[in-house]
Amino acid sequence: ATSPSRVISGVRAFNQKIIAIQGGSDKGNDLSVMVPDLLSHVKILILNGATADKIEQAVLAAPDYDPDQLQIIKVKDLAQAVEAARKAAQPGDIVSLCPACPAFDQFKTFEYRGREFKRLVNAF
């Protein structure tokens, strides 16, 4: 999910609120379009990468944002994001890598980011 529209489809696919890992390089997309779906389908938003601040500001600017309903955690990179998700997750929680942005700020391609995410998760 390297664009806001794909994030919207992705988070709507789950029947419970999820923990979402987001962030990456900025290709100038309007990230605010996904905020209503983040507010209704995500309980913990873990942000990393070049767009972390931009995504956070879009969420904080939403008139119906409630920090008790959507916790925001900012970290440096994908490894820290996976660790933060591991610490925050409870049994039965779903953690999804739905970055909304390309991987180029930390990885050569989205495939590398996906493989690294899988490696980090499997290390637990």
PDB file of N, CA and C in Angstrom:
ATOM      1  N   ALA A   1       0.852  -1.193   0.000  1.00  0.00           N
ATOM      2  CA  ALA A   1       0.000   0.000   0.000  1.00  0.00           C
ATOM      3  C   ALA A   1       0.889   1.244   0.000  1.00  0.00           C
ATOM      4  N   THR A   2       1.416   1.557  -1.169  1.00  0.00           N
ATOM      5  CA  THR A   2       2.343   2.684  -1.259  1.00  0.00           C
ATOM      6  C   THR A   2       1.671   3.973  -1.708  1.00  0.00           C
ATOM      7  N   SER A   3       0.357   4.029  -1.615  1.00  0.00           N
ATOM      8  CA  SER A   3      -0.367   5.265  -1.891  1.00  0.00           C
ATOM      9  C   SER A   3      -1.538   5.364  -0.920  1.00  0.00           C
ATOM     10  N   PRO A   4      -2.027   6.574  -0.654  1.00  0.00           N
ATOM     11  CA  PRO A   4      -3.156   6.721   0.273  1.00  0.00           C
ATOM     12  C   PRO A   4      -4.388   5.915  -0.149  1.00  0.00           C
ATOM     13  N   SER A   5      -4.689   5.854  -1.440  1.00  0.00           N
ATOM     14  CA  SER A   5      -5.873   5.103  -1.878  1.00  0.00           C
ATOM     15  C   SER A   5      -5.729   3.614  -1.576  1.00  0.00           C
ATOM     16  N   ARG A   6      -4.535   3.092  -1.691  1.00  0.00           N
ATOM     17  CA  ARG A   6      -4.317   1.672  -1.364  1.00  0.00           C
ATOM     18  C   ARG A   6      -4.399   1.431   0.142  1.00  0.00           C
ATOM     19  N   VAL A   7      -3.952   2.408   0.921  1.00  0.00           N
ATOM     20  CA  VAL A   7      -4.086   2.295   2.379  1.00  0.00           C
ATOM     21  C   VAL A   7      -5.554   2.220   2.759  1.00  0.00           C
ATOM     22  N   ILE A   8      -6.367   3.083   2.152  1.00  0.00           N
ATOM     23  CA  ILE A   8      -7.802   3.094   2.450  1.00  0.00           C
ATOM     24  C   ILE A   8      -8.397   1.712   2.206  1.00  0.00           C
ATOM     25  N   SER A   9      -8.128   1.132   1.061  1.00  0.00           N
ATOM     26  CA  SER A   9      -8.637  -0.212   0.759  1.00  0.00           C
ATOM     27  C   SER A   9      -8.099  -1.244   1.741  1.00  0.00           C
ATOM     28  N   GLY A  10      -6.832  -1.128   2.071  1.00  0.00           N
ATOM     29  CA  GLY A  10      -6.211  -2.090   2.974  1.00  0.00           C
ATOM     30  C   GLY A  10      -6.792  -2.074   4.374  1.00  0.00           C
ATOM     31  N   VAL A  11      -6.928  -0.900   4.972  1.00  0.00           N
ATOM     32  CA  VAL A  11      -7.421  -0.852   6.353  1.00  0.00           C
ATOM     33  C   VAL A  11      -8.898  -1.207   6.433  1.00  0.00           C
ATOM     34  N   ARG A  12      -9.636  -0.973   5.358  1.00  0.00           N
ATOM     35  CA  ARG A  12     -11.055  -1.349   5.335  1.00  0.00           C
ATOM     36  C   ARG A  12     -11.246  -2.859   5.249  1.00  0.00           C
ATOM     37  N   ALA A  13     -10.216  -3.587   4.874  1.00  0.00           N
ATOM     38  CA  ALA A  13     -10.325  -5.036   4.688  1.00  0.00           C
ATOM     39  C   ALA A  13     -10.407  -5.805   6.001  1.00  0.00           C
ATOM     40  N   PHE A  14     -10.027  -5.178   7.098  1.00  0.00           N
ATOM     41  CA  PHE A  14     -10.005  -5.872   8.389  1.00  0.00           C
ATOM     42  C   PHE A  14     -11.293  -5.613   9.158  1.00  0.00           C
ATOM     43  N   ASN A  15     -11.718  -6.597   9.944  1.00  0.00           N
ATOM     44  CA  ASN A  15     -12.946  -6.454  10.722  1.00  0.00           C
ATOM     45  C   ASN A  15     -12.675  -6.007  12.155  1.00  0.00           C
ATOM     46  N   GLN A  16     -11.506  -5.457  12.388  1.00  0.00           N
ATOM     47  CA  GLN A  16     -11.148  -4.901  13.692  1.00  0.00           C
ATOM     48  C   GLN A  16     -10.150  -3.777  13.465  1.00  0.00           C
ATOM     49  N   LYS A  17      -9.989  -2.934  14.473  1.00  0.00           N
ATOM     50  CA  LYS A  17      -8.988  -1.873  14.375  1.00  0.00           C
ATOM     51  C   LYS A  17      -7.599  -2.505  14.412  1.00  0.00           C
ATOM     52  N   ILE A  18      -6.702  -1.955  13.615  1.00  0.00           N
ATOM     53  CA  ILE A  18      -5.375  -2.546  13.459  1.00  0.00           C
ATOM     54  C   ILE A  18      -4.279  -1.618  13.978  1.00  0.00           C
ATOM     55  N   ILE A  19      -3.085  -2.164  14.027  1.00  0.00           N
ATOM     56  CA  ILE A  19      -1.871  -1.384  14.248  1.00  0.00           C
ATOM     57  C   ILE A  19      -1.244  -1.207  12.870  1.00  0.00           C
ATOM     58  N   ALA A  20      -1.074   0.041  12.445  1.00  0.00           N
ATOM     59  CA  ALA A  20      -0.568   0.324  11.102  1.00  0.00           C
ATOM     60  C   ALA A  20       0.814   0.954  11.173  1.00  0.00           C
ATOM     61  N   ILE A  21       1.711   0.453  10.349  1.00  0.00           N
ATOM     62  CA  ILE A  21       3.046   1.036  10.202  1.00  0.00           C
ATOM     63  C   ILE A  21       3.050   1.823   8.899  1.00  0.00           C
ATOM     64  N   GLN A  22       3.353   3.124   9.001  1.00  0.00           N
ATOM     65  CA  GLN A  22       3.323   3.996   7.828  1.00  0.00           C
ATOM     66  C   GLN A  22       4.560   4.862   7.735  1.00  0.00           C
ATOM     67  N   GLY A  23       4.808   5.344   6.528  1.00  0.00           N
ATOM     68  CA  GLY A  23       5.883   6.293   6.280  1.00  0.00           C
ATOM     69  C   GLY A  23       6.780   5.830   5.157  1.00  0.00           C
ATOM     70  N   GLY A  24       7.460   6.787   4.574  1.00  0.00           N
ATOM     71  CA  GLY A  24       8.365   6.506   3.471  1.00  0.00           C
ATOM     72  C   GLY A  24       8.783   7.808   2.826  1.00  0.00           C
ATOM     73  N   SER A  25       9.153   7.740   1.571  1.00  0.00           N
ATOM     74  CA  SER A  25       9.573   8.958   0.879  1.00  0.00           C
ATOM     75  C   SER A  25       8.347   9.721   0.388  1.00  0.00           C
ATOM     76  N   ASP A  26       8.512  11.019   0.233  1.00  0.00           N
ATOM     77  CA  ASP A  26       7.401  11.899  -0.115  1.00  0.00           C
ATOM     78  C   ASP A  26       7.333  12.079  -1.624  1.00  0.00           C
ATOM     79  N   LYS A  27       6.252  11.597  -2.224  1.00  0.00           N
ATOM     80  CA  LYS A  27       6.079  11.836  -3.654  1.00  0.00           C
ATOM     81  C   LYS A  27       4.987  12.872  -3.910  1.00  0.00           C
ATOM     82  N   GLY A  28       4.654  13.635  -2.866  1.00  0.00           N
ATOM     83  CA  GLY A  28       3.733  14.745  -3.005  1.00  0.00           C
ATOM     84  C   GLY A  28       2.260  14.396  -2.964  1.00  0.00           C
ATOM     85  N   ASN A  29       1.910  13.178  -2.579  1.00  0.00           N
ATOM     86  CA  ASN A  29       0.502  12.796  -2.481  1.00  0.00           C
ATOM     87  C   ASN A  29      -0.185  13.540  -1.344  1.00  0.00           C
ATOM     88  N   ASP A  30      -1.487  13.745  -1.500  1.00  0.00           N
ATOM     89  CA  ASP A  30      -2.297  14.312  -0.428  1.00  0.00           C
ATOM     90  C   ASP A  30      -2.585  13.195   0.571  1.00  0.00           C
ATOM     91  N   LEU A  31      -1.844  13.182   1.650  1.00  0.00           N
ATOM     92  CA  LEU A  31      -1.980  12.111   2.642  1.00  0.00           C
ATOM     93  C   LEU A  31      -3.221  12.278   3.506  1.00  0.00           C
ATOM     94  N   SER A  32      -3.826  13.459   3.494  1.00  0.00           N
ATOM     95  CA  SER A  32      -5.009  13.694   4.325  1.00  0.00           C
ATOM     96  C   SER A  32      -6.217  12.888   3.852  1.00  0.00           C
ATOM     97  N   VAL A  33      -6.228  12.434   2.601  1.00  0.00           N
ATOM     98  CA  VAL A  33      -7.390  11.690   2.104  1.00  0.00           C
ATOM     99  C   VAL A  33      -7.588  10.363   2.835  1.00  0.00           C
ATOM    100  N   MET A  34      -6.525   9.829   3.418  1.00  0.00           N
ATOM    101  CA  MET A  34      -6.655   8.545   4.115  1.00  0.00           C
ATOM    102  C   MET A  34      -6.991   8.719   5.598  1.00  0.00           C
ATOM    103  N   VAL A  35      -6.937   9.941   6.100  1.00  0.00           N
ATOM    104  CA  VAL A  35      -7.112  10.171   7.535  1.00  0.00           C
ATOM    105  C   VAL A  35      -8.458   9.678   8.061  1.00  0.00           C
ATOM    106  N   PRO A  36      -9.596   9.937   7.409  1.00  0.00           N
ATOM    107  CA  PRO A  36     -10.852   9.408   7.959  1.00  0.00           C
ATOM    108  C   PRO A  36     -10.825   7.896   8.161  1.00  0.00           C
ATOM    109  N   ASP A  37     -10.208   7.176   7.233  1.00  0.00           N
ATOM    110  CA  ASP A  37     -10.124   5.725   7.383  1.00  0.00           C
ATOM    111  C   ASP A  37      -9.118   5.309   8.451  1.00  0.00           C
ATOM    112  N   LEU A  38      -8.057   6.072   8.614  1.00  0.00           N
ATOM    113  CA  LEU A  38      -7.136   5.798   9.723  1.00  0.00           C
ATOM    114  C   LEU A  38      -7.867   5.970  11.045  1.00  0.00           C
ATOM    115  N   LEU A  39      -8.653   7.024  11.158  1.00  0.00           N
ATOM    116  CA  LEU A  39      -9.364   7.287  12.411  1.00  0.00           C
ATOM    117  C   LEU A  39     -10.369   6.193  12.737  1.00  0.00           C
ATOM    118  N   SER A  40     -10.988   5.604  11.727  1.00  0.00           N
ATOM    119  CA  SER A  40     -12.019   4.604  11.999  1.00  0.00           C
ATOM    120  C   SER A  40     -11.518   3.159  11.985  1.00  0.00           C
ATOM    121  N   HIS A  41     -10.326   2.910  11.437  1.00  0.00           N
ATOM    122  CA  HIS A  41      -9.869   1.526  11.292  1.00  0.00           C
ATOM    123  C   HIS A  41      -8.516   1.222  11.937  1.00  0.00           C
ATOM    124  N   VAL A  42      -7.875   2.221  12.527  1.00  0.00           N
ATOM    125  CA  VAL A  42      -6.544   2.024  13.113  1.00  0.00           C
ATOM    126  C   VAL A  42      -6.575   2.456  14.573  1.00  0.00           C
ATOM    127  N   LYS A  43      -5.983   1.647  15.455  1.00  0.00           N
ATOM    128  CA  LYS A  43      -5.921   2.032  16.867  1.00  0.00           C
ATOM    129  C   LYS A  43      -4.550   2.554  17.260  1.00  0.00           C
ATOM    130  N   ILE A  44      -3.503   2.078  16.585  1.00  0.00           N
ATOM    131  CA  ILE A  44      -2.145   2.573  16.830  1.00  0.00           C
ATOM    132  C   ILE A  44      -1.502   2.814  15.468  1.00  0.00           C
ATOM    133  N   LEU A  45      -0.988   4.022  15.286  1.00  0.00           N
ATOM    134  CA  LEU A  45      -0.341   4.414  14.041  1.00  0.00           C
ATOM    135  C   LEU A  45       1.134   4.630  14.334  1.00  0.00           C
ATOM    136  N   ILE A  46       1.976   3.784  13.759  1.00  0.00           N
ATOM    137  CA  ILE A  46       3.417   3.868  13.976  1.00  0.00           C
ATOM    138  C   ILE A  46       4.035   4.487  12.728  1.00  0.00           C
ATOM    139  N   LEU A  47       4.655   5.641  12.905  1.00  0.00           N
ATOM    140  CA  LEU A  47       5.182   6.418  11.786  1.00  0.00           C
ATOM    141  C   LEU A  47       6.696   6.406  11.771  1.00  0.00           C
ATOM    142  N   ASN A  48       7.256   6.266  10.576  1.00  0.00           N
ATOM    143  CA  ASN A  48       8.705   6.326  10.399  1.00  0.00           C
ATOM    144  C   ASN A  48       8.993   6.883   9.020  1.00  0.00           C
ATOM    145  N   GLY A  49      10.222   7.268   8.800  1.00  0.00           N
ATOM    146  CA  GLY A  49      10.619   7.718   7.480  1.00  0.00           C
ATOM    147  C   GLY A  49      10.385   9.194   7.228  1.00  0.00           C
ATOM    148  N   ALA A  50      10.647   9.593   5.997  1.00  0.00           N
ATOM    149  CA  ALA A  50      10.618  11.002   5.610  1.00  0.00           C
ATOM    150  C   ALA A  50       9.237  11.636   5.735  1.00  0.00           C
ATOM    151  N   THR A  51       8.176  10.854   5.619  1.00  0.00           N
ATOM    152  CA  THR A  51       6.827  11.424   5.684  1.00  0.00           C
ATOM    153  C   THR A  51       6.164  11.290   7.052  1.00  0.00           C
ATOM    154  N   ALA A  52       6.889  10.838   8.048  1.00  0.00           N
ATOM    155  CA  ALA A  52       6.291  10.650   9.374  1.00  0.00           C
ATOM    156  C   ALA A  52       5.632  11.929   9.884  1.00  0.00           C
ATOM    157  N   ASP A  53       6.328  13.047   9.801  1.00  0.00           N
ATOM    158  CA  ASP A  53       5.761  14.307  10.292  1.00  0.00           C
ATOM    159  C   ASP A  53       4.559  14.736   9.467  1.00  0.00           C
ATOM    160  N   LYS A  54       4.625  14.544   8.167  1.00  0.00           N
ATOM    161  CA  LYS A  54       3.528  14.947   7.282  1.00  0.00           C
ATOM    162  C   LYS A  54       2.261  14.138   7.579  1.00  0.00           C
ATOM    163  N   ILE A  55       2.409  12.843   7.779  1.00  0.00           N
ATOM    164  CA  ILE A  55       1.258  12.001   8.117  1.00  0.00           C
ATOM    165  C   ILE A  55       0.714  12.392   9.483  1.00  0.00           C
ATOM    166  N   GLU A  56       1.615  12.579  10.441  1.00  0.00           N
ATOM    167  CA  GLU A  56       1.177  12.967  11.782  1.00  0.00           C
ATOM    168  C   GLU A  56       0.393  14.271  11.735  1.00  0.00           C
ATOM    169  N   GLN A  57       0.883  15.266  11.030  1.00  0.00           N
ATOM    170  CA  GLN A  57       0.188  16.554  10.954  1.00  0.00           C
ATOM    171  C   GLN A  57      -1.183  16.413  10.299  1.00  0.00           C
ATOM    172  N   ALA A  58      -1.296  15.564   9.292  1.00  0.00           N
ATOM    173  CA  ALA A  58      -2.591  15.338   8.648  1.00  0.00           C
ATOM    174  C   ALA A  58      -3.592  14.731   9.627  1.00  0.00           C
ATOM    175  N   VAL A  59      -3.139  13.790  10.440  1.00  0.00           N
ATOM    176  CA  VAL A  59      -4.021  13.164  11.434  1.00  0.00           C
ATOM    177  C   VAL A  59      -4.393  14.165  12.522  1.00  0.00           C
ATOM    178  N   LEU A  60      -3.403  14.873  13.047  1.00  0.00           N
ATOM    179  CA  LEU A  60      -3.669  15.830  14.125  1.00  0.00           C
ATOM    180  C   LEU A  60      -4.590  16.957  13.680  1.00  0.00           C
ATOM    181  N   ALA A  61      -4.590  17.280  12.398  1.00  0.00           N
ATOM    182  CA  ALA A  61      -5.436  18.359  11.877  1.00  0.00           C
ATOM    183  C   ALA A  61      -6.892  17.939  11.692  1.00  0.00           C
ATOM    184  N   ALA A  62      -7.161  16.656  11.751  1.00  0.00           N
ATOM    185  CA  ALA A  62      -8.538  16.181  11.566  1.00  0.00           C
ATOM    186  C   ALA A  62      -9.396  16.619  12.747  1.00  0.00           C
ATOM    187  N   PRO A  63     -10.549  17.231  12.493  1.00  0.00           N
ATOM    188  CA  PRO A  63     -11.382  17.725  13.594  1.00  0.00           C
ATOM    189  C   PRO A  63     -11.865  16.633  14.540  1.00  0.00           C
ATOM    190  N   ASP A  64     -11.994  15.405  14.048  1.00  0.00           N
ATOM    191  CA  ASP A  64     -12.481  14.324  14.911  1.00  0.00           C
ATOM    192  C   ASP A  64     -11.365  13.417  15.432  1.00  0.00           C
ATOM    193  N   TYR A  65     -10.113  13.859  15.329  1.00  0.00           N
ATOM    194  CA  TYR A  65      -9.009  13.076  15.890  1.00  0.00           C
ATOM    195  C   TYR A  65      -9.120  13.050  17.408  1.00  0.00           C
ATOM    196  N   ASP A  66      -9.026  11.867  17.977  1.00  0.00           N
ATOM    197  CA  ASP A  66      -9.065  11.669  19.425  1.00  0.00           C
ATOM    198  C   ASP A  66      -7.865  10.796  19.801  1.00  0.00           C
ATOM    199  N   PRO A  67      -6.902  11.361  20.542  1.00  0.00           N
ATOM    200  CA  PRO A  67      -5.712  10.574  20.891  1.00  0.00           C
ATOM    201  C   PRO A  67      -6.024   9.341  21.741  1.00  0.00           C
ATOM    202  N   ASP A  68      -7.199   9.306  22.366  1.00  0.00           N
ATOM    203  CA  ASP A  68      -7.582   8.116  23.117  1.00  0.00           C
ATOM    204  C   ASP A  68      -8.061   6.994  22.193  1.00  0.00           C
ATOM    205  N   GLN A  69      -8.422   7.341  20.963  1.00  0.00           N
ATOM    206  CA  GLN A  69      -8.892   6.354  19.996  1.00  0.00           C
ATOM    207  C   GLN A  69      -7.821   5.951  18.984  1.00  0.00           C
ATOM    208  N   LEU A  70      -6.866   6.849  18.747  1.00  0.00           N
ATOM    209  CA  LEU A  70      -5.776   6.564  17.810  1.00  0.00           C
ATOM    210  C   LEU A  70      -4.473   7.088  18.392  1.00  0.00           C
ATOM    211  N   GLN A  71      -3.658   6.166  18.860  1.00  0.00           N
ATOM    212  CA  GLN A  71      -2.348   6.520  19.409  1.00  0.00           C
ATOM    213  C   GLN A  71      -1.349   6.641  18.270  1.00  0.00           C
ATOM    214  N   ILE A  72      -0.520   7.681  18.310  1.00  0.00           N
ATOM    215  CA  ILE A  72       0.525   7.873  17.306  1.00  0.00           C
ATOM    216  C   ILE A  72       1.885   7.661  17.963  1.00  0.00           C
ATOM    217  N   ILE A  73       2.696   6.817  17.346  1.00  0.00           N
ATOM    218  CA  ILE A  73       4.058   6.552  17.809  1.00  0.00           C
ATOM    219  C   ILE A  73       4.993   6.873  16.649  1.00  0.00           C
ATOM    220  N   LYS A  74       5.991   7.701  16.892  1.00  0.00           N
ATOM    221  CA  LYS A  74       6.972   8.021  15.849  1.00  0.00           C
ATOM    222  C   LYS A  74       8.312   7.380  16.191  1.00  0.00           C
ATOM    223  N   VAL A  75       8.903   6.747  15.190  1.00  0.00           N
ATOM    224  CA  VAL A  75      10.188   6.074  15.349  1.00  0.00           C
ATOM    225  C   VAL A  75      11.085   6.438  14.169  1.00  0.00           C
ATOM    226  N   LYS A  76      12.334   5.995  14.247  1.00  0.00           N
ATOM    227  CA  LYS A  76      13.333   6.377  13.249  1.00  0.00           C
ATOM    228  C   LYS A  76      13.240   5.581  11.947  1.00  0.00           C
ATOM    229  N   ASP A  77      13.017   4.271  12.048  1.00  0.00           N
ATOM    230  CA  ASP A  77      13.098   3.432  10.852  1.00  0.00           C
ATOM    231  C   ASP A  77      12.181   2.218  10.982  1.00  0.00           C
ATOM    232  N   LEU A  78      12.185   1.378   9.966  1.00  0.00           N
ATOM    233  CA  LEU A  78      11.299   0.218   9.947  1.00  0.00           C
ATOM    234  C   LEU A  78      11.593  -0.754  11.083  1.00  0.00           C
ATOM    235  N   ALA A  79      12.849  -0.967  11.411  1.00  0.00           N
ATOM    236  CA  ALA A  79      13.187  -1.876  12.512  1.00  0.00           C
ATOM    237  C   ALA A  79      12.577  -1.385  13.821  1.00  0.00           C
ATOM    238  N   GLN A  80      12.684  -0.097  14.094  1.00  0.00           N
ATOM    239  CA  GLN A  80      12.081   0.458  15.305  1.00  0.00           C
ATOM    240  C   GLN A  80      10.558   0.398  15.232  1.00  0.00           C
ATOM    241  N   ALA A  81       9.996   0.550  14.044  1.00  0.00           N
ATOM    242  CA  ALA A  81       8.544   0.473  13.882  1.00  0.00           C
ATOM    243  C   ALA A  81       8.033  -0.925  14.217  1.00  0.00           C
ATOM    244  N   VAL A  82       8.718  -1.942  13.723  1.00  0.00           N
ATOM    245  CA  VAL A  82       8.316  -3.316  14.016  1.00  0.00           C
ATOM    246  C   VAL A  82       8.462  -3.601  15.508  1.00  0.00           C
ATOM    247  N   GLU A  83       9.530  -3.118  16.115  1.00  0.00           N
ATOM    248  CA  GLU A  83       9.716  -3.305  17.560  1.00  0.00           C
ATOM    249  C   GLU A  83       8.611  -2.594  18.343  1.00  0.00           C
ATOM    250  N   ALA A  84       8.259  -1.386  17.937  1.00  0.00           N
ATOM    251  CA  ALA A  84       7.177  -0.651  18.612  1.00  0.00           C
ATOM    252  C   ALA A  84       5.850  -1.392  18.466  1.00  0.00           C
ATOM    253  N   ALA A  85       5.604  -1.955  17.300  1.00  0.00           N
ATOM    254  CA  ALA A  85       4.378  -2.729  17.082  1.00  0.00           C
ATOM    255  C   ALA A  85       4.367  -3.971  17.958  1.00  0.00           C
ATOM    256  N   ARG A  86       5.504  -4.636  18.049  1.00  0.00           N
ATOM    257  CA  ARG A  86       5.595  -5.832  18.900  1.00  0.00           C
ATOM    258  C   ARG A  86       5.279  -5.500  20.346  1.00  0.00           C
ATOM    259  N   LYS A  87       5.816  -4.388  20.826  1.00  0.00           N
ATOM    260  CA  LYS A  87       5.579  -3.987  22.214  1.00  0.00           C
ATOM    261  C   LYS A  87       4.135  -3.566  22.450  1.00  0.00           C
ATOM    262  N   ALA A  88       3.512  -2.939  21.462  1.00  0.00           N
ATOM    263  CA  ALA A  88       2.156  -2.415  21.631  1.00  0.00           C
ATOM    264  C   ALA A  88       1.077  -3.465  21.409  1.00  0.00           C
ATOM    265  N   ALA A  89       1.365  -4.467  20.609  1.00  0.00           N
ATOM    266  CA  ALA A  89       0.351  -5.444  20.217  1.00  0.00           C
ATOM    267  C   ALA A  89      -0.061  -6.332  21.379  1.00  0.00           C
ATOM    268  N   GLN A  90      -1.340  -6.621  21.394  1.00  0.00           N
ATOM    269  CA  GLN A  90      -1.923  -7.567  22.336  1.00  0.00           C
ATOM    270  C   GLN A  90      -2.310  -8.819  21.550  1.00  0.00           C
ATOM    271  N   PRO A  91      -2.503  -9.956  22.229  1.00  0.00           N
ATOM    272  CA  PRO A  91      -2.932 -11.156  21.504  1.00  0.00           C
ATOM    273  C   PRO A  91      -4.182 -10.866  20.663  1.00  0.00           C
ATOM    274  N   GLY A  92      -4.152 -11.294  19.410  1.00  0.00           N
ATOM    275  CA  GLY A  92      -5.275 -11.079  18.501  1.00  0.00           C
ATOM    276  C   GLY A  92      -5.176  -9.821  17.659  1.00  0.00           C
ATOM    277  N   ASP A  93      -4.241  -8.937  17.981  1.00  0.00           N
ATOM    278  CA  ASP A  93      -4.071  -7.714  17.196  1.00  0.00           C
ATOM    279  C   ASP A  93      -3.501  -8.027  15.816  1.00  0.00           C
ATOM    280  N   ILE A  94      -3.835  -7.176  14.880  1.00  0.00           N
ATOM    281  CA  ILE A  94      -3.306  -7.255  13.522  1.00  0.00           C
ATOM    282  C   ILE A  94      -2.352  -6.090  13.323  1.00  0.00           C
ATOM    283  N   VAL A  95      -1.150  -6.391  12.847  1.00  0.00           N
ATOM    284  CA  VAL A  95      -0.164  -5.361  12.506  1.00  0.00           C
ATOM    285  C   VAL A  95       0.001  -5.391  10.994  1.00  0.00           C
ATOM    286  N   SER A  96      -0.164  -4.230  10.371  1.00  0.00           N
ATOM    287  CA  SER A  96      -0.074  -4.155   8.915  1.00  0.00           C
ATOM    288  C   SER A  96       0.936  -3.097   8.488  1.00  0.00           C
ATOM    289  N   LEU A  97       1.784  -3.473   7.554  1.00  0.00           N
ATOM    290  CA  LEU A  97       2.669  -2.510   6.905  1.00  0.00           C
ATOM    291  C   LEU A  97       1.872  -1.894   5.765  1.00  0.00           C
ATOM    292  N   CYS A  98       1.424  -0.675   5.963  1.00  0.00           N
ATOM    293  CA  CYS A  98       0.652   0.044   4.940  1.00  0.00           C
ATOM    294  C   CYS A  98       1.226   1.452   4.838  1.00  0.00           C
ATOM    295  N   PRO A  99       2.406   1.574   4.246  1.00  0.00           N
ATOM    296  CA  PRO A  99       3.209   2.788   4.334  1.00  0.00           C
ATOM    297  C   PRO A  99       2.630   4.042   3.706  1.00  0.00           C
ATOM    298  N   ALA A 100       1.771   3.914   2.717  1.00  0.00           N
ATOM    299  CA  ALA A 100       1.166   5.064   2.033  1.00  0.00           C
ATOM    300  C   ALA A 100       2.154   5.844   1.181  1.00  0.00           C
ATOM    301  N   CYS A 101       3.405   5.434   1.182  1.00  0.00           N
ATOM    302  CA  CYS A 101       4.469   6.174   0.504  1.00  0.00           C
ATOM    303  C   CYS A 101       5.501   5.189  -0.046  1.00  0.00           C
ATOM    304  N   PRO A 102       6.234   5.605  -1.077  1.00  0.00           N
ATOM    305  CA  PRO A 102       7.306   4.755  -1.595  1.00  0.00           C
ATOM    306  C   PRO A 102       8.395   4.499  -0.547  1.00  0.00           C
ATOM    307  N   ALA A 103       9.214   3.520  -0.814  1.00  0.00           N
ATOM    308  CA  ALA A 103      10.233   3.069   0.136  1.00  0.00           C
ATOM    309  C   ALA A 103      11.577   3.761  -0.010  1.00  0.00           C
ATOM    310  N   PHE A 104      11.714   4.651  -0.977  1.00  0.00           N
ATOM    311  CA  PHE A 104      13.038   5.132  -1.376  1.00  0.00           C
ATOM    312  C   PHE A 104      13.810   5.894  -0.312  1.00  0.00           C
ATOM    313  N   ASP A 105      13.164   6.333   0.756  1.00  0.00           N
ATOM    314  CA  ASP A 105      13.912   7.036   1.800  1.00  0.00           C
ATOM    315  C   ASP A 105      14.784   6.087   2.615  1.00  0.00           C
ATOM    316  N   GLN A 106      14.427   4.798   2.648  1.00  0.00           N
ATOM    317  CA  GLN A 106      15.186   3.823   3.432  1.00  0.00           C
ATOM    318  C   GLN A 106      15.609   2.588   2.637  1.00  0.00           C
ATOM    319  N   PHE A 107      14.936   2.316   1.524  1.00  0.00           N
ATOM    320  CA  PHE A 107      15.160   1.076   0.783  1.00  0.00           C
ATOM    321  C   PHE A 107      15.245   1.357  -0.708  1.00  0.00           C
ATOM    322  N   LYS A 108      15.885   0.430  -1.417  1.00  0.00           N
ATOM    323  CA  LYS A 108      16.048   0.577  -2.865  1.00  0.00           C
ATOM    324  C   LYS A 108      14.703   0.466  -3.596  1.00  0.00           C
ATOM    325  N   THR A 109      13.854  -0.464  -3.146  1.00  0.00           N
ATOM    326  CA  THR A 109      12.535  -0.666  -3.755  1.00  0.00           C
ATOM    327  C   THR A 109      11.539  -1.091  -2.678  1.00  0.00           C
ATOM    328  N   PHE A 110      10.253  -1.095  -3.060  1.00  0.00           N
ATOM    329  CA  PHE A 110       9.238  -1.562  -2.119  1.00  0.00           C
ATOM    330  C   PHE A 110       9.413  -3.042  -1.819  1.00  0.00           C
ATOM    331  N   GLU A 111       9.968  -3.808  -2.760  1.00  0.00           N
ATOM    332  CA  GLU A 111      10.201  -5.226  -2.505  1.00  0.00           C
ATOM    333  C   GLU A 111      11.204  -5.433  -1.376  1.00  0.00           C
ATOM    334  N   TYR A 112      12.277  -4.625  -1.381  1.00  0.00           N
ATOM    335  CA  TYR A 112      13.259  -4.710  -0.296  1.00  0.00           C
ATOM    336  C   TYR A 112      12.611  -4.375   1.045  1.00  0.00           C
ATOM    337  N   ARG A 113      11.772  -3.330   1.054  1.00  0.00           N
ATOM    338  CA  ARG A 113      11.094  -2.965   2.304  1.00  0.00           C
ATOM    339  C   ARG A 113      10.210  -4.114   2.769  1.00  0.00           C
ATOM    340  N   GLY A 114       9.480  -4.721   1.859  1.00  0.00           N
ATOM    341  CA  GLY A 114       8.613  -5.839   2.222  1.00  0.00           C
ATOM    342  C   GLY A 114       9.384  -7.028   2.762  1.00  0.00           C
ATOM    343  N   ARG A 115      10.505  -7.339   2.120  1.00  0.00           N
ATOM    344  CA  ARG A 115      11.335  -8.448   2.609  1.00  0.00           C
ATOM    345  C   ARG A 115      11.924  -8.150   3.979  1.00  0.00           C
ATOM    346  N   GLU A 116      12.338  -6.906   4.178  1.00  0.00           N
ATOM    347  CA  GLU A 116      12.894  -6.528   5.481  1.00  0.00           C
ATOM    348  C   GLU A 116      11.813  -6.587   6.554  1.00  0.00           C
ATOM    349  N   PHE A 117      10.606  -6.144   6.243  1.00  0.00           N
ATOM    350  CA  PHE A 117       9.493  -6.238   7.189  1.00  0.00           C
ATOM    351  C   PHE A 117       9.262  -7.698   7.572  1.00  0.00           C
ATOM    352  N   LYS A 118       9.209  -8.564   6.586  1.00  0.00           N
ATOM    353  CA  LYS A 118       9.006  -9.989   6.845  1.00  0.00           C
ATOM    354  C   LYS A 118      10.137 -10.558   7.701  1.00  0.00           C
ATOM    355  N   ARG A 119      11.382 -10.195   7.383  1.00  0.00           N
ATOM    356  CA  ARG A 119      12.526 -10.679   8.157  1.00  0.00           C
ATOM    357  C   ARG A 119      12.439 -10.214   9.605  1.00  0.00           C
ATOM    358  N   LEU A 120      12.105  -8.943   9.810  1.00  0.00           N
ATOM    359  CA  LEU A 120      12.012  -8.399  11.168  1.00  0.00           C
ATOM    360  C   LEU A 120      10.906  -9.082  11.966  1.00  0.00           C
ATOM    361  N   VAL A 121       9.771  -9.293  11.332  1.00  0.00           N
ATOM    362  CA  VAL A 121       8.656  -9.951  12.019  1.00  0.00           C
ATOM    363  C   VAL A 121       9.014 -11.396  12.348  1.00  0.00           C
ATOM    364  N   ASN A 122       9.602 -12.096  11.408  1.00  0.00           N
ATOM    365  CA  ASN A 122       9.958 -13.502  11.641  1.00  0.00           C
ATOM    366  C   ASN A 122      11.059 -13.666  12.679  1.00  0.00           C
ATOM    367  N   ALA A 123      11.807 -12.614  12.950  1.00  0.00           N
ATOM    368  CA  ALA A 123      12.863 -12.678  13.965  1.00  0.00           C
ATOM    369  C   ALA A 123      12.290 -12.780  15.380  1.00  0.00           C
ATOM    370  N   PHE A 124      11.004 -12.473  15.538  1.00  0.00           N
ATOM    371  CA  PHE A 124      10.396 -12.571  16.872  1.00  0.00           C
ATOM    372  C   PHE A 124       9.998 -13.967  17.105  1.00  0.00           C
TER     373      PHE A 124
END
